[in-house]
Amino acid sequence: MAKKIVNTNGVEDAELIEAPAVTVLPPEIEERVDKEISLAIVEVNYTDDFIRKMKEEFLPMTINGQQDKEGYLNLQAVRKQVKQARILVEKTFKRGREIAQLEVKKWITKQNEIVGEIKAVEKALEEKEDAWEQERDRLKEIERQRIERQGMERMKDMVKFGAEMQGDSWVLGEVCYEIMLVKSADPEIYQTIYNDFEAQFNLNEAEKRAAKEKADREALELKQAQESIQRREKELQEQQEKMAKQLKELRLKTRSAALESLGMGKNATGSLWIYGDQCAEVADLQERSDEEWEVILADLNAGIARIREQGKERERIREVFAARLPLLKKWSSNGQSVYAKGDIWGTVEDLVKLSEDEFQELLKENDAYLKDREAQKEKQHQLDLEKARIEGVGKSRREMLKAINGEAGISDFELGSVSPEQWERDLGIATKLHEKRQKDLADQKERERQELLGDRQRYEEVVAALKSLSIPSFKSGFYRTKIGIIRDFIDGLK
């Protein structure tokens, strides 16, 4: 299909021939590709019948919960077999695509060569077009910058006169001109505009001077009155602050003495009086009323008495705990909780609360538990040794199966548990099956080779028949050319 090309001036320049898109393979190529794919499928021996049987046999497999380890191992072994099949098929089909990829690469190489030549012509024309447009834009920019500079200078005049922008105009009193006119007018016209703004500016300045003189007189009188009032207020405030300071110092001194008598002391910053979790802010000593301070002091007294009683109880608990914990073998503590048998037994207080008889029973129970645990560990050690021996036998047997492309489908432990007699029978059967598969595969490849040889023989017979044809001679140059093309084609057949 031809597609018309129109230049920037709307003139038709040329016609571009659009190649039809290839959406389907030609029949002869599709037949060749189908045949190559069929041979690849036969090579890996994964036909539709094989896929169907694999789905029927493997997809129904399940794992019955976390306790079904045997089902899990069986499914895992089958999944690995399926994965090996999938990898083999992927490698075979990837090898078949390599020729097609080389063909695509050759097309792309030629495309890049031709497109590069066309782009060179296109770029030369584009550079000339860009040069013309850049020169046009440069001249426009020079004129625009001149107008902008002129506008900035004239804007300074407007600002100097005190004019304001209102909408699209400069306004000063009764004088009003459009902003664009002020910016772009010729010098003669702008001089008239300048004179109008200057006259209005001079009139405004005279009015401002008169108003300022009046305002300065009124401001001076107001300032003198305010300064007199401020002096009187400051003297009164200083007297009040002095009395308040003396009262705070007296309160702080008497109330600090009361806190010292309770055994309290100041913190590092000096902002708090503290005793254990009891505290009072220094600011409260100065600011609180007498009634509020009495309540605070009573609360602090009660809290400090409670802290002292708690300290005595903690000391008693610490002494009892320090005597009992070392007697309990394998027990430990983080200072709050007590740990035994790999878990939290209780708190430090729980251990201290036990009577002496209860504590002795706990000692006997712990000793019996440790003795029983040692016996269980020895028994488990013997079981682990036997299991390791059986798994070693299973691993060696699994390697023997891999040598003949076989898989047990069970764990190493289960494979090692099979009796020697049964193992010899199973290995013999697996070996015979492997040998039969190898022979079947060799026979299949031989049959395919024979079929390919038969196709080649028929092709050679057709070529021989074409070459034996008697082609008449013609006097006409047109027909002699056609006959020559036919003869060259037949001579080129192999």
Protein backbone atom coordinates (compact mmCIF):
# COMPACT_ATOMS: atom_id res chain seq x y z
CA MET A 1 0.00 0.00 0.00
CA ALA A 2 1.34 3.51 -0.89
CA LYS A 3 1.18 6.23 1.79
CA LYS A 4 1.43 9.94 0.81
CA ILE A 5 3.98 12.17 2.57
CA VAL A 6 3.13 15.91 3.05
CA ASN A 7 5.82 18.51 3.89
CA THR A 8 5.51 21.42 6.35
CA ASN A 9 4.03 23.67 3.61
CA GLY A 10 1.20 21.20 2.94
CA VAL A 11 2.74 19.97 -0.35
CA GLU A 12 2.79 16.28 -1.23
CA ASP A 13 6.46 15.32 -1.51
CA ALA A 14 6.53 11.55 -2.14
CA GLU A 15 4.82 8.26 -1.60
CA LEU A 16 6.01 5.73 0.98
CA ILE A 17 5.34 2.05 0.16
CA GLU A 18 4.19 0.26 3.30
CA ALA A 19 5.17 -3.43 3.37
CA PRO A 20 2.31 -5.71 4.46
CA ALA A 21 2.73 -7.02 8.00
CA VAL A 22 3.47 -10.74 8.34
CA THR A 23 0.85 -12.15 10.72
CA VAL A 24 0.98 -15.87 9.79
CA LEU A 25 3.75 -18.21 8.64
CA PRO A 26 3.82 -19.22 4.98
CA PRO A 27 2.55 -22.84 4.58
CA GLU A 28 5.88 -24.30 3.52
CA ILE A 29 7.70 -22.72 6.49
CA GLU A 30 4.96 -23.72 8.95
CA GLU A 31 5.12 -27.33 7.63
CA ARG A 32 8.90 -27.39 8.12
CA VAL A 33 8.70 -25.95 11.64
CA ASP A 34 5.92 -28.40 12.64
CA LYS A 35 8.04 -31.31 11.45
CA GLU A 36 11.12 -30.10 13.39
CA ILE A 37 8.99 -29.69 16.54
CA SER A 38 7.59 -33.21 16.13
CA LEU A 39 11.12 -34.64 15.84
CA ALA A 40 12.15 -32.73 18.99
CA ILE A 41 9.17 -34.18 20.89
CA VAL A 42 10.10 -37.69 19.76
CA GLU A 43 13.71 -37.07 20.80
CA VAL A 44 12.77 -36.30 24.43
CA ASN A 45 10.01 -38.97 24.33
CA TYR A 46 7.38 -36.68 25.96
CA THR A 47 4.32 -37.24 23.76
CA ASP A 48 0.71 -36.26 24.52
CA ASP A 49 0.11 -39.80 25.79
CA PHE A 50 3.09 -39.46 28.18
CA ILE A 51 1.80 -36.11 29.52
CA ARG A 52 -1.69 -37.55 30.04
CA LYS A 53 -0.34 -40.55 31.96
CA MET A 54 1.90 -38.30 34.08
CA LYS A 55 -1.10 -36.11 35.08
CA GLU A 56 -3.28 -39.15 35.86
CA GLU A 57 -0.57 -40.70 38.04
CA PHE A 58 0.95 -37.67 39.79
CA LEU A 59 -1.76 -34.98 40.18
CA PRO A 60 -3.93 -37.07 42.58
CA MET A 61 -0.99 -37.31 45.04
CA THR A 62 -1.66 -35.54 48.39
CA ILE A 63 -0.02 -34.92 51.78
CA ASN A 64 -2.30 -35.71 54.72
CA GLY A 65 -1.26 -32.99 57.14
CA GLN A 66 2.03 -32.17 58.87
CA GLN A 67 2.30 -35.68 60.37
CA ASP A 68 2.37 -37.33 56.91
CA LYS A 69 6.14 -37.11 56.36
CA GLU A 70 6.16 -40.19 54.11
CA GLY A 71 3.56 -38.60 51.82
CA TYR A 72 5.63 -35.41 51.75
CA LEU A 73 8.83 -37.27 50.79
CA ASN A 74 7.02 -39.29 48.09
CA LEU A 75 5.54 -36.14 46.57
CA GLN A 76 8.92 -34.37 46.77
CA ALA A 77 10.67 -37.21 44.89
CA VAL A 78 8.00 -37.22 42.15
CA ARG A 79 8.18 -33.43 41.85
CA LYS A 80 11.96 -33.65 41.25
CA GLN A 81 11.35 -36.23 38.45
CA VAL A 82 8.82 -33.88 36.81
CA LYS A 83 11.29 -30.98 37.14
CA GLN A 84 14.01 -33.00 35.35
CA ALA A 85 11.54 -33.73 32.53
CA ARG A 86 10.61 -30.06 32.24
CA ILE A 87 14.29 -28.95 32.09
CA LEU A 88 15.06 -31.50 29.34
CA VAL A 89 12.11 -30.29 27.22
CA GLU A 90 13.11 -26.60 27.70
CA LYS A 91 16.71 -27.29 26.60
CA THR A 92 15.54 -29.23 23.50
CA PHE A 93 13.12 -26.53 22.36
CA LYS A 94 15.65 -23.77 23.08
CA ARG A 95 18.12 -25.54 20.76
CA GLY A 96 15.42 -25.61 18.05
CA ARG A 97 14.90 -21.82 18.29
CA GLU A 98 18.56 -20.92 17.73
CA ILE A 99 18.33 -21.03 13.87
CA ALA A 100 15.24 -18.78 13.91
CA GLN A 101 17.09 -16.30 16.13
CA LEU A 102 20.01 -16.19 13.66
CA GLU A 103 17.55 -15.40 10.82
CA VAL A 104 16.03 -12.54 12.84
CA LYS A 105 19.52 -11.17 13.58
CA LYS A 106 20.35 -11.09 9.83
CA TRP A 107 17.12 -9.17 9.07
CA ILE A 108 17.92 -6.64 11.83
CA THR A 109 21.52 -6.14 10.58
CA LYS A 110 20.32 -5.29 7.04
CA GLN A 111 17.57 -3.05 8.42
CA ASN A 112 20.07 -1.04 10.49
CA GLU A 113 22.35 -0.63 7.42
CA ILE A 114 19.58 0.82 5.16
CA VAL A 115 17.94 2.92 7.88
CA GLY A 116 21.33 4.43 8.71
CA GLU A 117 21.74 5.68 5.10
CA ILE A 118 18.23 7.21 5.10
CA LYS A 119 18.76 8.85 8.49
CA ALA A 120 21.93 10.58 7.17
CA VAL A 121 19.85 12.34 4.45
CA GLU A 122 17.07 13.12 6.93
CA LYS A 123 19.55 14.63 9.45
CA ALA A 124 21.19 16.90 6.80
CA LEU A 125 17.80 18.35 5.80
CA GLU A 126 16.75 18.69 9.44
CA GLU A 127 19.93 20.66 10.29
CA LYS A 128 19.22 23.22 7.51
CA GLU A 129 15.60 23.54 8.67
CA ASP A 130 16.70 24.04 12.31
CA ALA A 131 19.28 26.69 11.31
CA TRP A 132 16.60 28.84 9.59
CA GLU A 133 14.21 28.51 12.55
CA GLN A 134 16.95 29.34 15.07
CA GLU A 135 17.87 32.55 13.19
CA ARG A 136 14.18 33.58 13.08
CA ASP A 137 13.82 32.92 16.81
CA ARG A 138 17.08 34.80 17.57
CA LEU A 139 15.85 37.99 15.85
CA LYS A 140 12.50 37.74 17.66
CA GLU A 141 14.30 37.29 20.99
CA ILE A 142 16.52 40.34 20.39
CA GLU A 143 13.44 42.54 19.82
CA ARG A 144 11.64 41.02 22.81
CA GLN A 145 14.62 41.66 25.09
CA ARG A 146 14.82 45.30 23.89
CA ILE A 147 11.14 45.84 24.74
CA GLU A 148 11.65 44.12 28.12
CA ARG A 149 14.66 46.31 29.00
CA GLN A 150 12.74 49.42 27.92
CA GLY A 151 9.76 48.26 30.02
CA MET A 152 11.94 47.72 33.12
CA GLU A 153 13.44 51.23 32.82
CA ARG A 154 9.99 52.81 32.44
CA MET A 155 8.64 50.71 35.33
CA LYS A 156 11.33 52.32 37.54
CA ASP A 157 9.91 55.74 36.56
CA MET A 158 6.37 54.61 37.50
CA VAL A 159 7.54 53.25 40.84
CA LYS A 160 9.51 56.44 41.49
CA PHE A 161 6.34 58.51 41.00
CA GLY A 162 4.36 56.11 43.26
CA ALA A 163 2.03 54.82 40.53
CA GLU A 164 0.22 51.50 41.12
CA MET A 165 -0.81 48.66 38.81
CA GLN A 166 -4.60 48.42 38.74
CA GLY A 167 -5.78 45.74 36.29
CA ASP A 168 -3.94 46.43 33.00
CA SER A 169 -3.08 50.10 33.76
CA TRP A 170 -0.64 52.30 35.70
CA VAL A 171 -2.66 54.67 37.95
CA LEU A 172 -1.56 57.74 39.98
CA GLY A 173 -4.38 59.96 41.19
CA GLU A 174 -6.22 61.22 38.11
CA VAL A 175 -3.51 59.99 35.69
CA CYS A 176 -4.07 56.53 34.07
CA TYR A 177 -2.28 54.80 31.13
CA GLU A 178 -2.28 51.15 29.91
CA ILE A 179 0.73 49.11 31.03
CA MET A 180 1.50 47.84 27.51
CA LEU A 181 1.37 51.43 26.13
CA VAL A 182 3.84 52.63 28.78
CA LYS A 183 6.10 49.65 28.03
CA SER A 184 6.20 49.79 24.19
CA ALA A 185 5.37 53.45 23.20
CA ASP A 186 7.76 55.47 21.05
CA PRO A 187 10.03 57.92 22.97
CA GLU A 188 7.97 60.97 21.90
CA ILE A 189 4.69 59.47 23.15
CA TYR A 190 6.32 58.21 26.35
CA GLN A 191 7.66 61.71 27.16
CA THR A 192 4.05 62.99 27.27
CA ILE A 193 3.09 60.11 29.59
CA TYR A 194 6.15 60.80 31.79
CA ASN A 195 5.24 64.52 32.12
CA ASP A 196 1.66 63.69 33.22
CA PHE A 197 2.84 61.31 35.97
CA GLU A 198 5.54 63.78 37.13
CA ALA A 199 3.01 66.61 37.53
CA GLN A 200 0.66 64.41 39.57
CA PHE A 201 3.62 63.20 41.67
CA ASN A 202 4.65 66.80 42.58
CA LEU A 203 1.08 67.61 43.61
CA ASN A 204 0.89 64.48 45.82
CA GLU A 205 4.25 65.24 47.48
CA ALA A 206 3.07 68.73 48.55
CA GLU A 207 -0.03 67.24 50.19
CA LYS A 208 2.04 64.56 51.95
CA ARG A 209 4.48 67.09 53.45
CA ALA A 210 1.61 69.10 54.98
CA ALA A 211 -0.02 65.95 56.41
CA LYS A 212 3.30 64.69 57.82
CA GLU A 213 4.04 67.91 59.70
CA LYS A 214 0.63 67.72 61.41
CA ALA A 215 1.05 64.02 62.27
CA ASP A 216 4.55 64.60 63.73
CA ARG A 217 3.21 67.23 66.14
CA GLU A 218 0.38 64.96 67.34
CA ALA A 219 2.74 61.94 67.72
CA LEU A 220 5.18 63.93 69.87
CA GLU A 221 2.41 65.01 72.28
CA LEU A 222 1.09 61.40 72.55
CA LYS A 223 4.59 59.98 73.17
CA GLN A 224 5.25 62.40 76.06
CA ALA A 225 1.97 61.43 77.76
CA GLN A 226 2.67 57.68 77.35
CA GLU A 227 6.18 57.98 78.81
CA SER A 228 4.78 59.67 81.95
CA ILE A 229 2.25 56.84 82.50
CA GLN A 230 4.88 54.13 81.91
CA ARG A 231 7.22 55.61 84.55
CA ARG A 232 4.47 55.49 87.22
CA GLU A 233 3.48 51.88 86.29
CA LYS A 234 7.10 50.71 86.44
CA GLU A 235 7.65 52.11 89.97
CA LEU A 236 4.52 50.31 91.25
CA GLN A 237 5.53 47.00 89.60
CA GLU A 238 9.01 47.09 91.13
CA GLN A 239 7.54 47.48 94.64
CA GLN A 240 5.16 44.51 94.11
CA GLU A 241 7.96 42.24 92.73
CA LYS A 242 10.20 43.01 95.72
CA MET A 243 7.49 42.02 98.25
CA ALA A 244 6.65 38.79 96.30
CA LYS A 245 10.31 37.79 96.18
CA GLN A 246 10.75 38.17 99.93
CA LEU A 247 7.63 36.03 100.54
CA LYS A 248 8.89 33.22 98.22
CA GLU A 249 12.31 33.15 99.89
CA LEU A 250 10.71 32.78 103.35
CA ARG A 251 8.41 29.94 102.15
CA LEU A 252 11.30 28.14 100.43
CA LYS A 253 13.47 28.24 103.55
CA THR A 254 10.85 26.91 106.00
CA ARG A 255 9.45 24.23 103.65
CA SER A 256 12.94 22.99 102.63
CA ALA A 257 13.72 22.43 106.31
CA ALA A 258 10.54 20.31 106.62
CA LEU A 259 11.61 18.10 103.69
CA GLU A 260 15.13 17.66 105.07
CA SER A 261 13.63 16.41 108.30
CA LEU A 262 11.90 13.61 106.28
CA GLY A 263 15.27 12.52 104.82
CA MET A 264 14.66 13.94 101.31
CA GLY A 265 17.40 15.51 99.18
CA LYS A 266 17.70 17.47 95.91
CA ASN A 267 18.39 15.88 92.51
CA ALA A 268 21.39 16.73 90.32
CA THR A 269 19.69 19.72 88.64
CA GLY A 270 18.31 21.08 91.93
CA SER A 271 14.75 21.24 90.57
CA LEU A 272 13.30 18.36 92.70
CA TRP A 273 13.31 17.07 96.27
CA ILE A 274 13.29 13.24 96.10
CA TYR A 275 13.14 10.12 98.25
CA GLY A 276 12.62 6.87 96.31
CA ASP A 277 9.55 7.39 94.09
CA GLN A 278 8.39 10.36 96.19
CA CYS A 279 9.23 13.83 94.88
CA ALA A 280 8.28 17.51 95.22
CA GLU A 281 9.11 20.32 92.82
CA VAL A 282 11.12 23.26 94.19
CA ALA A 283 8.67 25.55 92.38
CA ASP A 284 5.80 24.08 94.49
CA LEU A 285 7.65 25.04 97.68
CA GLN A 286 7.51 28.68 96.59
CA GLU A 287 4.15 28.91 94.78
CA ARG A 288 1.71 26.69 96.73
CA SER A 289 -0.61 28.14 99.40
CA ASP A 290 -0.28 27.00 103.02
CA GLU A 291 -3.35 24.72 102.73
CA GLU A 292 -2.04 23.05 99.55
CA TRP A 293 1.43 22.63 101.07
CA GLU A 294 0.04 20.84 104.14
CA VAL A 295 -1.65 18.25 101.86
CA ILE A 296 1.58 17.73 99.84
CA LEU A 297 3.65 17.34 103.02
CA ALA A 298 1.23 14.76 104.49
CA ASP A 299 1.32 12.69 101.24
CA LEU A 300 5.13 12.76 101.18
CA ASN A 301 5.32 11.64 104.83
CA ALA A 302 3.00 8.66 104.18
CA GLY A 303 4.85 7.69 100.98
CA ILE A 304 8.27 7.76 102.61
CA ALA A 305 7.04 5.57 105.48
CA ARG A 306 5.72 3.04 102.92
CA ILE A 307 9.05 3.03 101.04
CA ARG A 308 10.97 2.26 104.22
CA GLU A 309 8.67 -0.67 105.07
CA GLN A 310 9.03 -2.04 101.51
CA GLY A 311 12.81 -1.81 101.78
CA LYS A 312 12.84 -3.97 104.88
CA GLU A 313 10.63 -6.61 103.16
CA ARG A 314 12.83 -6.66 100.03
CA GLU A 315 15.92 -7.24 102.14
CA ARG A 316 14.28 -10.21 103.88
CA ILE A 317 13.19 -11.73 100.54
CA ARG A 318 16.70 -11.27 99.11
CA GLU A 319 18.34 -13.13 102.00
CA VAL A 320 15.93 -16.12 101.79
CA PHE A 321 16.18 -16.29 97.99
CA ALA A 322 20.01 -16.14 98.04
CA ALA A 323 20.02 -19.14 100.40
CA ARG A 324 17.53 -21.32 98.44
CA LEU A 325 18.31 -20.79 94.71
CA PRO A 326 21.84 -22.36 94.75
CA LEU A 327 20.34 -25.59 96.23
CA LEU A 328 18.11 -26.04 93.15
CA LYS A 329 20.40 -27.50 90.46
CA LYS A 330 19.94 -26.15 86.91
CA TRP A 331 17.61 -23.36 88.15
CA SER A 332 18.24 -19.68 87.36
CA SER A 333 16.74 -16.24 87.84
CA ASN A 334 16.83 -12.76 86.28
CA GLY A 335 16.08 -11.11 89.62
CA GLN A 336 12.31 -11.15 89.10
CA SER A 337 11.33 -14.52 87.57
CA VAL A 338 12.65 -18.02 88.44
CA TYR A 339 13.38 -20.46 85.55
CA ALA A 340 13.30 -24.28 85.75
CA LYS A 341 13.03 -27.07 83.16
CA GLY A 342 13.41 -24.57 80.32
CA ASP A 343 10.40 -22.44 81.38
CA ILE A 344 9.30 -19.89 83.99
CA TRP A 345 8.60 -21.64 87.32
CA GLY A 346 7.36 -18.53 89.14
CA THR A 347 8.58 -15.31 90.73
CA VAL A 348 11.25 -14.72 93.36
CA GLU A 349 8.45 -14.06 95.87
CA ASP A 350 6.85 -17.46 95.03
CA LEU A 351 10.08 -19.27 95.95
CA VAL A 352 10.49 -17.32 99.18
CA LYS A 353 6.87 -17.95 100.30
CA LEU A 354 7.36 -21.76 100.34
CA SER A 355 7.53 -23.32 103.78
CA GLU A 356 10.63 -25.32 104.67
CA ASP A 357 8.82 -28.66 104.11
CA GLU A 358 7.50 -27.49 100.75
CA PHE A 359 11.00 -26.37 99.75
CA GLN A 360 12.51 -29.77 100.68
CA GLU A 361 9.86 -31.54 98.54
CA LEU A 362 10.77 -29.22 95.66
CA LEU A 363 14.46 -30.18 96.03
CA LYS A 364 13.63 -33.91 95.88
CA GLU A 365 11.39 -33.45 92.84
CA ASN A 366 14.08 -31.46 90.98
CA ASP A 367 16.79 -34.09 91.68
CA ALA A 368 14.50 -36.88 90.39
CA TYR A 369 13.71 -34.86 87.26
CA LEU A 370 17.40 -34.30 86.47
CA LYS A 371 18.21 -37.99 86.95
CA ASP A 372 15.36 -39.08 84.64
CA ARG A 373 16.43 -36.50 82.02
CA GLU A 374 19.98 -37.87 81.89
CA ALA A 375 18.60 -41.40 81.33
CA GLN A 376 16.38 -40.19 78.46
CA LYS A 377 19.30 -38.37 76.81
CA GLU A 378 21.40 -41.57 76.84
CA LYS A 379 18.55 -43.59 75.33
CA GLN A 380 17.99 -41.00 72.60
CA HIS A 381 21.72 -41.01 71.82
CA GLN A 382 21.64 -44.75 71.09
CA LEU A 383 18.56 -44.33 68.88
CA ASP A 384 20.25 -41.51 66.94
CA LEU A 385 23.34 -43.67 66.30
CA GLU A 386 21.20 -46.51 64.88
CA LYS A 387 19.19 -44.09 62.73
CA ALA A 388 22.39 -42.54 61.32
CA ARG A 389 23.70 -46.02 60.39
CA ILE A 390 20.46 -46.92 58.56
CA GLU A 391 20.38 -43.54 56.73
CA GLY A 392 23.99 -44.12 55.60
CA VAL A 393 22.96 -47.45 54.04
CA GLY A 394 19.99 -45.69 52.41
CA LYS A 395 22.21 -42.96 50.90
CA SER A 396 24.59 -45.53 49.35
CA ARG A 397 21.61 -47.43 47.88
CA ARG A 398 20.16 -44.20 46.48
CA GLU A 399 23.44 -43.50 44.65
CA MET A 400 23.24 -46.99 43.11
CA LEU A 401 19.73 -46.19 41.85
CA LYS A 402 20.84 -42.82 40.40
CA ALA A 403 23.49 -44.65 38.34
CA ILE A 404 20.62 -46.33 36.42
CA ASN A 405 18.37 -43.21 36.40
CA GLY A 406 16.22 -44.68 39.16
CA GLU A 407 14.58 -43.13 42.25
CA ALA A 408 13.35 -44.86 45.39
CA GLY A 409 10.56 -42.39 46.20
CA ILE A 410 11.15 -42.87 49.95
CA SER A 411 13.48 -41.36 52.57
CA ASP A 412 17.07 -42.51 53.17
CA PHE A 413 15.98 -44.06 56.48
CA GLU A 414 13.18 -46.08 54.84
CA LEU A 415 15.46 -47.14 51.98
CA GLY A 416 18.14 -48.28 54.43
CA SER A 417 15.55 -50.27 56.44
CA VAL A 418 14.82 -52.59 53.48
CA SER A 419 16.26 -56.08 54.08
CA PRO A 420 19.38 -57.04 52.04
CA GLU A 421 17.46 -59.82 50.23
CA GLN A 422 14.60 -57.50 49.23
CA TRP A 423 17.10 -54.83 48.16
CA GLU A 424 18.92 -57.24 45.81
CA ARG A 425 15.59 -58.19 44.18
CA ASP A 426 14.46 -54.54 43.78
CA LEU A 427 17.83 -53.45 42.34
CA GLY A 428 17.77 -56.28 39.79
CA ILE A 429 14.28 -55.29 38.60
CA ALA A 430 15.24 -51.59 38.33
CA THR A 431 18.38 -52.46 36.34
CA LYS A 432 16.38 -54.55 33.83
CA LEU A 433 13.81 -51.75 33.40
CA HIS A 434 16.59 -49.21 32.77
CA GLU A 435 18.22 -51.44 30.15
CA LYS A 436 14.83 -51.92 28.44
CA ARG A 437 14.19 -48.13 28.32
CA GLN A 438 17.63 -47.53 26.79
CA LYS A 439 17.00 -50.19 24.14
CA ASP A 440 13.52 -48.80 23.31
CA LEU A 441 14.97 -45.30 22.89
CA ALA A 442 17.73 -46.57 20.56
CA ASP A 443 15.15 -48.51 18.48
CA GLN A 444 12.94 -45.41 18.19
CA LYS A 445 15.84 -43.25 16.95
CA GLU A 446 16.81 -45.94 14.39
CA ARG A 447 13.23 -46.03 13.01
CA GLU A 448 13.25 -42.23 12.64
CA ARG A 449 16.61 -42.36 10.85
CA GLN A 450 15.26 -44.97 8.40
CA GLU A 451 12.20 -42.79 7.71
CA LEU A 452 14.44 -39.78 6.95
CA LEU A 453 16.58 -41.92 4.58
CA GLY A 454 13.40 -42.96 2.70
CA ASP A 455 12.37 -39.29 2.16
CA ARG A 456 15.84 -38.49 0.80
CA GLN A 457 15.72 -41.35 -1.72
CA ARG A 458 12.34 -40.18 -3.12
CA TYR A 459 13.68 -36.62 -3.44
CA GLU A 460 16.72 -37.84 -5.45
CA GLU A 461 14.44 -39.77 -7.82
CA VAL A 462 12.37 -36.63 -8.53
CA VAL A 463 15.54 -34.61 -9.22
CA ALA A 464 16.83 -37.28 -11.62
CA ALA A 465 13.49 -37.27 -13.51
CA LEU A 466 13.59 -33.45 -13.89
CA LYS A 467 17.15 -33.51 -15.19
CA SER A 468 16.24 -36.16 -17.80
CA LEU A 469 13.45 -34.00 -19.34
CA SER A 470 13.97 -32.91 -22.93
CA ILE A 471 13.44 -29.14 -23.17
CA PRO A 472 12.79 -27.79 -26.72
CA SER A 473 14.71 -24.82 -28.20
CA PHE A 474 12.97 -21.54 -29.10
CA LYS A 475 14.06 -18.76 -31.48
CA SER A 476 12.31 -15.98 -29.56
CA GLY A 477 14.66 -14.17 -27.12
CA PHE A 478 11.87 -13.94 -24.52
CA TYR A 479 11.31 -17.72 -24.43
CA ARG A 480 15.06 -18.49 -24.62
CA THR A 481 15.49 -16.43 -21.42
CA LYS A 482 12.67 -18.30 -19.65
CA ILE A 483 14.08 -21.72 -20.80
CA GLY A 484 17.53 -20.67 -19.51
CA ILE A 485 16.09 -19.89 -16.05
CA ILE A 486 14.41 -23.33 -15.93
CA ARG A 487 17.62 -25.13 -16.97
CA ASP A 488 19.67 -23.25 -14.34
CA PHE A 489 17.13 -24.17 -11.66
CA ILE A 490 17.22 -27.91 -12.62
CA ASP A 491 21.04 -27.96 -12.80
CA GLY A 492 21.18 -26.41 -9.31
CA LEU A 493 19.12 -29.20 -7.70
CA LYS A 494 21.09 -31.60 -5.50
